[in-house]
Amino acid sequence: KEADSMLELLCVPSQHRTNILAWICSSVNPNFGSSKA
């Protein structure tokens, strides 16, 4: 509910934030998530 909590989730470096970015990239480009790498 608090903006500070959202800001910490989306801007502070963490594995959860990296996973969110990876999910967005996979949604934009499906080949991003199905790569052999």
PDB file of all heavy atoms in Angstrom:
ATOM      1  N   LYS A   1       0.815  -1.208   0.000  1.00  0.00           N
ATOM      2  CA  LYS A   1       0.000   0.000   0.000  1.00  0.00           C
ATOM      3  C   LYS A   1       0.850   1.259   0.000  1.00  0.00           C
ATOM      4  O   LYS A   1       0.458   2.291  -0.535  1.00  0.00           O
ATOM      5  CB  LYS A   1      -0.934   0.015   1.225  1.00  0.00           C
ATOM      6  CG  LYS A   1      -1.864  -1.191   1.320  1.00  0.00           C
ATOM      7  CD  LYS A   1      -2.841  -1.226   0.138  1.00  0.00           C
ATOM      8  CE  LYS A   1      -3.820  -2.381   0.288  1.00  0.00           C
ATOM      9  NZ  LYS A   1      -4.739  -2.463  -0.879  1.00  0.00           N
ATOM     10  N   GLU A   2       2.018   1.183   0.628  1.00  0.00           N
ATOM     11  CA  GLU A   2       2.878   2.346   0.748  1.00  0.00           C
ATOM     12  C   GLU A   2       3.779   2.475  -0.484  1.00  0.00           C
ATOM     13  O   GLU A   2       4.270   1.482  -1.025  1.00  0.00           O
ATOM     14  CB  GLU A   2       3.748   2.252   2.006  1.00  0.00           C
ATOM     15  CG  GLU A   2       2.953   2.185   3.301  1.00  0.00           C
ATOM     16  CD  GLU A   2       2.193   3.481   3.540  1.00  0.00           C
ATOM     17  OE1 GLU A   2       2.666   4.537   3.071  1.00  0.00           O
ATOM     18  OE2 GLU A   2       1.136   3.431   4.198  1.00  0.00           O
ATOM     19  N   ALA A   3       3.979   3.712  -0.905  1.00  0.00           N
ATOM     20  CA  ALA A   3       4.833   3.955  -2.071  1.00  0.00           C
ATOM     21  C   ALA A   3       6.276   3.567  -1.797  1.00  0.00           C
ATOM     22  O   ALA A   3       6.985   3.105  -2.704  1.00  0.00           O
ATOM     23  CB  ALA A   3       4.754   5.429  -2.480  1.00  0.00           C
ATOM     24  N   ASP A   4       6.737   3.734  -0.550  1.00  0.00           N
ATOM     25  CA  ASP A   4       8.113   3.376  -0.229  1.00  0.00           C
ATOM     26  C   ASP A   4       8.347   1.883  -0.392  1.00  0.00           C
ATOM     27  O   ASP A   4       9.420   1.445  -0.856  1.00  0.00           O
ATOM     28  CB  ASP A   4       8.444   3.804   1.204  1.00  0.00           C
ATOM     29  CG  ASP A   4       8.509   5.319   1.336  1.00  0.00           C
ATOM     30  OD1 ASP A   4       8.621   5.989   0.289  1.00  0.00           O
ATOM     31  OD2 ASP A   4       8.434   5.825   2.469  1.00  0.00           O
ATOM     32  N   SER A   5       7.356   1.052  -0.026  1.00  0.00           N
ATOM     33  CA  SER A   5       7.493  -0.393  -0.187  1.00  0.00           C
ATOM     34  C   SER A   5       7.549  -0.766  -1.669  1.00  0.00           C
ATOM     35  O   SER A   5       8.343  -1.623  -2.080  1.00  0.00           O
ATOM     36  CB  SER A   5       6.323  -1.102   0.499  1.00  0.00           C
ATOM     37  OG  SER A   5       6.250  -0.765   1.867  1.00  0.00           O
ATOM     38  N   MET A   6       6.717  -0.115  -2.460  1.00  0.00           N
ATOM     39  CA  MET A   6       6.760  -0.367  -3.910  1.00  0.00           C
ATOM     40  C   MET A   6       8.095   0.065  -4.500  1.00  0.00           C
ATOM     41  O   MET A   6       8.668  -0.624  -5.363  1.00  0.00           O
ATOM     42  CB  MET A   6       5.619   0.387  -4.605  1.00  0.00           C
ATOM     43  CG  MET A   6       4.231   0.016  -4.117  1.00  0.00           C
ATOM     44  SD  MET A   6       2.965   1.039  -4.923  1.00  0.00           S
ATOM     45  CE  MET A   6       1.495   0.551  -4.018  1.00  0.00           C
ATOM     46  N   LEU A   7       8.601   1.210  -4.027  1.00  0.00           N
ATOM     47  CA  LEU A   7       9.876   1.709  -4.522  1.00  0.00           C
ATOM     48  C   LEU A   7      11.012   0.768  -4.164  1.00  0.00           C
ATOM     49  O   LEU A   7      11.917   0.513  -4.974  1.00  0.00           O
ATOM     50  CB  LEU A   7      10.133   3.103  -3.939  1.00  0.00           C
ATOM     51  CG  LEU A   7      11.199   3.956  -4.629  1.00  0.00           C
ATOM     52  CD1 LEU A   7      10.782   4.288  -6.056  1.00  0.00           C
ATOM     53  CD2 LEU A   7      11.438   5.245  -3.858  1.00  0.00           C
ATOM     54  N   GLU A   8      10.981   0.213  -2.964  1.00  0.00           N
ATOM     55  CA  GLU A   8      12.011  -0.743  -2.562  1.00  0.00           C
ATOM     56  C   GLU A   8      11.942  -2.019  -3.392  1.00  0.00           C
ATOM     57  O   GLU A   8      12.963  -2.593  -3.761  1.00  0.00           O
ATOM     58  CB  GLU A   8      11.858  -1.071  -1.073  1.00  0.00           C
ATOM     59  CG  GLU A   8      12.929  -2.001  -0.547  1.00  0.00           C
ATOM     60  CD  GLU A   8      12.780  -2.254   0.936  1.00  0.00           C
ATOM     61  OE1 GLU A   8      11.842  -1.694   1.547  1.00  0.00           O
ATOM     62  OE2 GLU A   8      13.601  -3.010   1.491  1.00  0.00           O
ATOM     63  N   LEU A   9      10.730  -2.455  -3.721  1.00  0.00           N
ATOM     64  CA  LEU A   9      10.566  -3.663  -4.531  1.00  0.00           C
ATOM     65  C   LEU A   9      11.082  -3.460  -5.949  1.00  0.00           C
ATOM     66  O   LEU A   9      11.744  -4.344  -6.503  1.00  0.00           O
ATOM     67  CB  LEU A   9       9.089  -4.057  -4.565  1.00  0.00           C
ATOM     68  CG  LEU A   9       8.721  -5.189  -5.535  1.00  0.00           C
ATOM     69  CD1 LEU A   9       9.314  -6.518  -5.065  1.00  0.00           C
ATOM     70  CD2 LEU A   9       7.202  -5.302  -5.673  1.00  0.00           C
ATOM     71  N   LEU A  10      10.828  -2.285  -6.536  1.00  0.00           N
ATOM     72  CA  LEU A  10      11.093  -2.077  -7.956  1.00  0.00           C
ATOM     73  C   LEU A  10      12.439  -1.432  -8.255  1.00  0.00           C
ATOM     74  O   LEU A  10      12.912  -1.518  -9.397  1.00  0.00           O
ATOM     75  CB  LEU A  10       9.981  -1.211  -8.572  1.00  0.00           C
ATOM     76  CG  LEU A  10       8.576  -1.804  -8.519  1.00  0.00           C
ATOM     77  CD1 LEU A  10       7.562  -0.803  -9.042  1.00  0.00           C
ATOM     78  CD2 LEU A  10       8.497  -3.102  -9.317  1.00  0.00           C
ATOM     79  N   CYS A  11      13.074  -0.788  -7.265  1.00  0.00           N
ATOM     80  CA  CYS A  11      14.293  -0.042  -7.538  1.00  0.00           C
ATOM     81  C   CYS A  11      15.513  -0.512  -6.748  1.00  0.00           C
ATOM     82  O   CYS A  11      16.644  -0.283  -7.189  1.00  0.00           O
ATOM     83  CB  CYS A  11      14.064   1.460  -7.274  1.00  0.00           C
ATOM     84  SG  CYS A  11      12.831   2.208  -8.361  1.00  0.00           S
ATOM     85  N   VAL A  12      15.312  -1.106  -5.607  1.00  0.00           N
ATOM     86  CA  VAL A  12      16.461  -1.581  -4.821  1.00  0.00           C
ATOM     87  C   VAL A  12      16.934  -2.911  -5.393  1.00  0.00           C
ATOM     88  O   VAL A  12      16.126  -3.828  -5.592  1.00  0.00           O
ATOM     89  CB  VAL A  12      16.068  -1.732  -3.336  1.00  0.00           C
ATOM     90  CG1 VAL A  12      17.237  -2.304  -2.532  1.00  0.00           C
ATOM     91  CG2 VAL A  12      15.640  -0.381  -2.774  1.00  0.00           C
ATOM     92  N   PRO A  13      18.256  -3.043  -5.703  1.00  0.00           N
ATOM     93  CA  PRO A  13      18.751  -4.297  -6.302  1.00  0.00           C
ATOM     94  C   PRO A  13      18.457  -5.501  -5.411  1.00  0.00           C
ATOM     95  O   PRO A  13      18.744  -5.507  -4.217  1.00  0.00           O
ATOM     96  CB  PRO A  13      20.262  -4.052  -6.416  1.00  0.00           C
ATOM     97  CG  PRO A  13      20.410  -2.565  -6.440  1.00  0.00           C
ATOM     98  CD  PRO A  13      19.314  -2.029  -5.573  1.00  0.00           C
ATOM     99  N   SER A  14      17.823  -6.511  -6.022  1.00  0.00           N
ATOM    100  CA  SER A  14      17.518  -7.757  -5.315  1.00  0.00           C
ATOM    101  C   SER A  14      17.203  -8.818  -6.367  1.00  0.00           C
ATOM    102  O   SER A  14      16.967  -8.507  -7.545  1.00  0.00           O
ATOM    103  CB  SER A  14      16.323  -7.574  -4.363  1.00  0.00           C
ATOM    104  OG  SER A  14      15.147  -7.278  -5.097  1.00  0.00           O
ATOM    105  N   GLN A  15      17.203 -10.066  -5.932  1.00  0.00           N
ATOM    106  CA  GLN A  15      16.879 -11.151  -6.847  1.00  0.00           C
ATOM    107  C   GLN A  15      15.421 -11.078  -7.289  1.00  0.00           C
ATOM    108  O   GLN A  15      15.081 -11.394  -8.434  1.00  0.00           O
ATOM    109  CB  GLN A  15      17.155 -12.504  -6.172  1.00  0.00           C
ATOM    110  CG  GLN A  15      16.971 -13.704  -7.100  1.00  0.00           C
ATOM    111  CD  GLN A  15      17.913 -13.657  -8.288  1.00  0.00           C
ATOM    112  OE1 GLN A  15      19.076 -13.291  -8.153  1.00  0.00           O
ATOM    113  NE2 GLN A  15      17.408 -14.032  -9.470  1.00  0.00           N
ATOM    114  N   HIS A  16      14.546 -10.640  -6.385  1.00  0.00           N
ATOM    115  CA  HIS A  16      13.134 -10.517  -6.728  1.00  0.00           C
ATOM    116  C   HIS A  16      12.938  -9.471  -7.826  1.00  0.00           C
ATOM    117  O   HIS A  16      12.179  -9.685  -8.778  1.00  0.00           O
ATOM    118  CB  HIS A  16      12.327 -10.135  -5.478  1.00  0.00           C
ATOM    119  CG  HIS A  16      10.859 -10.358  -5.642  1.00  0.00           C
ATOM    120  ND1 HIS A  16       9.946 -10.103  -4.649  1.00  0.00           N
ATOM    121  CD2 HIS A  16      10.118 -10.828  -6.692  1.00  0.00           C
ATOM    122  CE1 HIS A  16       8.730 -10.382  -5.087  1.00  0.00           C
ATOM    123  NE2 HIS A  16       8.818 -10.829  -6.317  1.00  0.00           N
ATOM    124  N   ARG A  17      13.639  -8.333  -7.703  1.00  0.00           N
ATOM    125  CA  ARG A  17      13.550  -7.294  -8.730  1.00  0.00           C
ATOM    126  C   ARG A  17      14.096  -7.801 -10.062  1.00  0.00           C
ATOM    127  O   ARG A  17      13.527  -7.545 -11.131  1.00  0.00           O
ATOM    128  CB  ARG A  17      14.321  -6.061  -8.274  1.00  0.00           C
ATOM    129  CG  ARG A  17      14.365  -4.945  -9.311  1.00  0.00           C
ATOM    130  CD  ARG A  17      15.185  -3.757  -8.765  1.00  0.00           C
ATOM    131  NE  ARG A  17      15.272  -2.710  -9.760  1.00  0.00           N
ATOM    132  CZ  ARG A  17      16.185  -2.678 -10.735  1.00  0.00           C
ATOM    133  NH1 ARG A  17      17.059  -3.666 -10.832  1.00  0.00           N
ATOM    134  NH2 ARG A  17      16.200  -1.678 -11.597  1.00  0.00           N
ATOM    135  N   THR A  18      15.192  -8.558 -10.024  1.00  0.00           N
ATOM    136  CA  THR A  18      15.754  -9.123 -11.262  1.00  0.00           C
ATOM    137  C   THR A  18      14.773 -10.089 -11.915  1.00  0.00           C
ATOM    138  O   THR A  18      14.615 -10.101 -13.138  1.00  0.00           O
ATOM    139  CB  THR A  18      17.081  -9.839 -10.958  1.00  0.00           C
ATOM    140  OG1 THR A  18      17.985  -8.917 -10.354  1.00  0.00           O
ATOM    141  CG2 THR A  18      17.714 -10.384 -12.235  1.00  0.00           C
ATOM    142  N   ASN A  19      14.082 -10.891 -11.102  1.00  0.00           N
ATOM    143  CA  ASN A  19      13.101 -11.826 -11.645  1.00  0.00           C
ATOM    144  C   ASN A  19      11.925 -11.083 -12.293  1.00  0.00           C
ATOM    145  O   ASN A  19      11.385 -11.509 -13.325  1.00  0.00           O
ATOM    146  CB  ASN A  19      12.606 -12.754 -10.549  1.00  0.00           C
ATOM    147  CG  ASN A  19      13.704 -13.679 -10.039  1.00  0.00           C
ATOM    148  OD1 ASN A  19      14.685 -13.928 -10.749  1.00  0.00           O
ATOM    149  ND2 ASN A  19      13.561 -14.177  -8.831  1.00  0.00           N
ATOM    150  N   ILE A  20      11.528  -9.969 -11.678  1.00  0.00           N
ATOM    151  CA  ILE A  20      10.435  -9.170 -12.273  1.00  0.00           C
ATOM    152  C   ILE A  20      10.854  -8.618 -13.629  1.00  0.00           C
ATOM    153  O   ILE A  20      10.103  -8.674 -14.613  1.00  0.00           O
ATOM    154  CB  ILE A  20      10.034  -8.031 -11.317  1.00  0.00           C
ATOM    155  CG1 ILE A  20       9.366  -8.597 -10.059  1.00  0.00           C
ATOM    156  CG2 ILE A  20       9.096  -7.052 -12.009  1.00  0.00           C
ATOM    157  CD1 ILE A  20       9.035  -7.540  -9.013  1.00  0.00           C
ATOM    158  N   LEU A  21      12.085  -8.102 -13.712  1.00  0.00           N
ATOM    159  CA  LEU A  21      12.596  -7.582 -14.988  1.00  0.00           C
ATOM    160  C   LEU A  21      12.675  -8.694 -16.039  1.00  0.00           C
ATOM    161  O   LEU A  21      12.318  -8.495 -17.211  1.00  0.00           O
ATOM    162  CB  LEU A  21      13.962  -6.949 -14.784  1.00  0.00           C
ATOM    163  CG  LEU A  21      13.989  -5.475 -14.385  1.00  0.00           C
ATOM    164  CD1 LEU A  21      15.396  -5.058 -14.003  1.00  0.00           C
ATOM    165  CD2 LEU A  21      13.464  -4.615 -15.509  1.00  0.00           C
ATOM    166  N   ALA A  22      13.140  -9.872 -15.621  1.00  0.00           N
ATOM    167  CA  ALA A  22      13.229 -10.993 -16.554  1.00  0.00           C
ATOM    168  C   ALA A  22      11.845 -11.406 -17.047  1.00  0.00           C
ATOM    169  O   ALA A  22      11.660 -11.733 -18.231  1.00  0.00           O
ATOM    170  CB  ALA A  22      13.942 -12.171 -15.886  1.00  0.00           C
ATOM    171  N   TRP A  23      10.852 -11.380 -16.158  1.00  0.00           N
ATOM    172  CA  TRP A  23       9.492 -11.737 -16.582  1.00  0.00           C
ATOM    173  C   TRP A  23       8.948 -10.720 -17.575  1.00  0.00           C
ATOM    174  O   TRP A  23       8.306 -11.093 -18.569  1.00  0.00           O
ATOM    175  CB  TRP A  23       8.585 -11.818 -15.351  1.00  0.00           C
ATOM    176  CG  TRP A  23       7.183 -12.210 -15.696  1.00  0.00           C
ATOM    177  CD1 TRP A  23       6.683 -13.476 -15.802  1.00  0.00           C
ATOM    178  CD2 TRP A  23       6.098 -11.312 -16.020  1.00  0.00           C
ATOM    179  NE1 TRP A  23       5.365 -13.438 -16.166  1.00  0.00           N
ATOM    180  CE2 TRP A  23       4.973 -12.128 -16.305  1.00  0.00           C
ATOM    181  CE3 TRP A  23       5.972  -9.949 -16.078  1.00  0.00           C
ATOM    182  CZ2 TRP A  23       3.744 -11.586 -16.662  1.00  0.00           C
ATOM    183  CZ3 TRP A  23       4.747  -9.410 -16.431  1.00  0.00           C
ATOM    184  CH2 TRP A  23       3.641 -10.220 -16.724  1.00  0.00           C
ATOM    185  N   ILE A  24       9.191  -9.426 -17.336  1.00  0.00           N
ATOM    186  CA  ILE A  24       8.724  -8.393 -18.274  1.00  0.00           C
ATOM    187  C   ILE A  24       9.387  -8.580 -19.638  1.00  0.00           C
ATOM    188  O   ILE A  24       8.729  -8.512 -20.680  1.00  0.00           O
ATOM    189  CB  ILE A  24       9.018  -6.991 -17.710  1.00  0.00           C
ATOM    190  CG1 ILE A  24       8.239  -6.757 -16.412  1.00  0.00           C
ATOM    191  CG2 ILE A  24       8.664  -5.917 -18.728  1.00  0.00           C
ATOM    192  CD1 ILE A  24       8.580  -5.437 -15.737  1.00  0.00           C
ATOM    193  N   CYS A  25      10.700  -8.839 -19.653  1.00  0.00           N
ATOM    194  CA  CYS A  25      11.409  -9.031 -20.924  1.00  0.00           C
ATOM    195  C   CYS A  25      10.875 -10.252 -21.662  1.00  0.00           C
ATOM    196  O   CYS A  25      10.736 -10.237 -22.893  1.00  0.00           O
ATOM    197  CB  CYS A  25      12.903  -9.171 -20.671  1.00  0.00           C
ATOM    198  SG  CYS A  25      13.697  -7.658 -20.067  1.00  0.00           S
ATOM    199  N   SER A  26      10.575 -11.320 -20.920  1.00  0.00           N
ATOM    200  CA  SER A  26      10.020 -12.517 -21.550  1.00  0.00           C
ATOM    201  C   SER A  26       8.625 -12.257 -22.105  1.00  0.00           C
ATOM    202  O   SER A  26       8.247 -12.826 -23.135  1.00  0.00           O
ATOM    203  CB  SER A  26       9.978 -13.670 -20.544  1.00  0.00           C
ATOM    204  OG  SER A  26      11.270 -13.964 -20.056  1.00  0.00           O
ATOM    205  N   SER A  27       7.863 -11.377 -21.448  1.00  0.00           N
ATOM    206  CA  SER A  27       6.525 -11.055 -21.944  1.00  0.00           C
ATOM    207  C   SER A  27       6.601 -10.189 -23.198  1.00  0.00           C
ATOM    208  O   SER A  27       5.783 -10.339 -24.108  1.00  0.00           O
ATOM    209  CB  SER A  27       5.729 -10.325 -20.859  1.00  0.00           C
ATOM    210  OG  SER A  27       5.611 -11.136 -19.710  1.00  0.00           O
ATOM    211  N   VAL A  28       7.579  -9.309 -23.242  1.00  0.00           N
ATOM    212  CA  VAL A  28       7.745  -8.460 -24.435  1.00  0.00           C
ATOM    213  C   VAL A  28       8.277  -9.272 -25.594  1.00  0.00           C
ATOM    214  O   VAL A  28       7.801  -9.164 -26.732  1.00  0.00           O
ATOM    215  CB  VAL A  28       8.676  -7.270 -24.109  1.00  0.00           C
ATOM    216  CG1 VAL A  28       8.973  -6.471 -25.373  1.00  0.00           C
ATOM    217  CG2 VAL A  28       8.046  -6.374 -23.063  1.00  0.00           C
ATOM    218  N   ASN A  29       9.282 -10.105 -25.332  1.00  0.00           N
ATOM    219  CA  ASN A  29       9.902 -10.924 -26.368  1.00  0.00           C
ATOM    220  C   ASN A  29       9.881 -12.376 -25.901  1.00  0.00           C
ATOM    221  O   ASN A  29      10.701 -12.769 -25.077  1.00  0.00           O
ATOM    222  CB  ASN A  29      11.332 -10.454 -26.630  1.00  0.00           C
ATOM    223  CG  ASN A  29      12.002 -11.249 -27.745  1.00  0.00           C
ATOM    224  OD1 ASN A  29      11.353 -12.003 -28.467  1.00  0.00           O
ATOM    225  ND2 ASN A  29      13.305 -11.069 -27.893  1.00  0.00           N
ATOM    226  N   PRO A  30       8.960 -13.196 -26.407  1.00  0.00           N
ATOM    227  CA  PRO A  30       8.882 -14.593 -25.949  1.00  0.00           C
ATOM    228  C   PRO A  30      10.176 -15.373 -26.156  1.00  0.00           C
ATOM    229  O   PRO A  30      10.449 -16.319 -25.409  1.00  0.00           O
ATOM    230  CB  PRO A  30       7.737 -15.179 -26.786  1.00  0.00           C
ATOM    231  CG  PRO A  30       6.909 -13.988 -27.178  1.00  0.00           C
ATOM    232  CD  PRO A  30       7.873 -12.859 -27.343  1.00  0.00           C
ATOM    233  N   ASN A  31      10.966 -15.001 -27.142  1.00  0.00           N
ATOM    234  CA  ASN A  31      12.230 -15.710 -27.372  1.00  0.00           C
ATOM    235  C   ASN A  31      13.241 -15.459 -26.262  1.00  0.00           C
ATOM    236  O   ASN A  31      14.211 -16.198 -26.127  1.00  0.00           O
ATOM    237  CB  ASN A  31      12.832 -15.276 -28.710  1.00  0.00           C
ATOM    238  CG  ASN A  31      11.965 -15.686 -29.882  1.00  0.00           C
ATOM    239  OD1 ASN A  31      11.297 -16.714 -29.829  1.00  0.00           O
ATOM    240  ND2 ASN A  31      11.960 -14.882 -30.927  1.00  0.00           N
ATOM    241  N   PHE A  32      13.017 -14.412 -25.496  1.00  0.00           N
ATOM    242  CA  PHE A  32      13.947 -14.105 -24.416  1.00  0.00           C
ATOM    243  C   PHE A  32      13.919 -15.200 -23.352  1.00  0.00           C
ATOM    244  O   PHE A  32      14.955 -15.593 -22.825  1.00  0.00           O
ATOM    245  CB  PHE A  32      13.585 -12.761 -23.784  1.00  0.00           C
ATOM    246  CG  PHE A  32      14.539 -12.321 -22.706  1.00  0.00           C
ATOM    247  CD1 PHE A  32      15.685 -11.631 -23.028  1.00  0.00           C
ATOM    248  CD2 PHE A  32      14.277 -12.596 -21.367  1.00  0.00           C
ATOM    249  CE1 PHE A  32      16.573 -11.220 -22.034  1.00  0.00           C
ATOM    250  CE2 PHE A  32      15.149 -12.195 -20.378  1.00  0.00           C
ATOM    251  CZ  PHE A  32      16.301 -11.507 -20.708  1.00  0.00           C
ATOM    252  N   GLY A  33      12.733 -15.716 -23.040  1.00  0.00           N
ATOM    253  CA  GLY A  33      12.622 -16.733 -22.002  1.00  0.00           C
ATOM    254  C   GLY A  33      12.896 -18.134 -22.483  1.00  0.00           C
ATOM    255  O   GLY A  33      13.166 -19.026 -21.688  1.00  0.00           O
ATOM    256  N   SER A  34      12.836 -18.363 -23.816  1.00  0.00           N
ATOM    257  CA  SER A  34      13.037 -19.709 -24.344  1.00  0.00           C
ATOM    258  C   SER A  34      14.415 -19.889 -24.948  1.00  0.00           C
ATOM    259  O   SER A  34      14.634 -20.778 -25.742  1.00  0.00           O
ATOM    260  CB  SER A  34      11.987 -19.995 -25.427  1.00  0.00           C
ATOM    261  OG  SER A  34      12.086 -19.040 -26.478  1.00  0.00           O
ATOM    262  N   SER A  35      15.341 -19.008 -24.605  1.00  0.00           N
ATOM    263  CA  SER A  35      16.686 -19.114 -25.159  1.00  0.00           C
ATOM    264  C   SER A  35      17.416 -20.314 -24.578  1.00  0.00           C
ATOM    265  O   SER A  35      17.151 -20.776 -23.475  1.00  0.00           O
ATOM    266  CB  SER A  35      17.474 -17.835 -24.868  1.00  0.00           C
ATOM    267  OG  SER A  35      18.809 -17.968 -25.300  1.00  0.00           O
ATOM    268  N   LYS A  36      18.379 -20.826 -25.363  1.00  0.00           N
ATOM    269  CA  LYS A  36      19.165 -21.981 -24.913  1.00  0.00           C
ATOM    270  C   LYS A  36      20.107 -21.608 -23.777  1.00  0.00           C
ATOM    271  O   LYS A  36      20.640 -22.473 -23.107  1.00  0.00           O
ATOM    272  CB  LYS A  36      19.974 -22.540 -26.085  1.00  0.00           C
ATOM    273  CG  LYS A  36      19.110 -23.108 -27.204  1.00  0.00           C
ATOM    274  CD  LYS A  36      19.979 -23.651 -28.316  1.00  0.00           C
ATOM    275  CE  LYS A  36      19.115 -24.239 -29.444  1.00  0.00           C
ATOM    276  NZ  LYS A  36      19.937 -24.758 -30.555  1.00  0.00           N
ATOM    277  N   ALA A  37      20.305 -20.286 -23.582  1.00  0.00           N
ATOM    278  CA  ALA A  37      21.245 -19.857 -22.544  1.00  0.00           C
ATOM    279  C   ALA A  37      20.571 -19.642 -21.200  1.00  0.00           C
ATOM    280  O   ALA A  37      21.106 -18.952 -20.337  1.00  0.00           O
ATOM    281  CB  ALA A  37      21.938 -18.559 -22.981  1.00  0.00           C
TER     282      ALA A  37
END
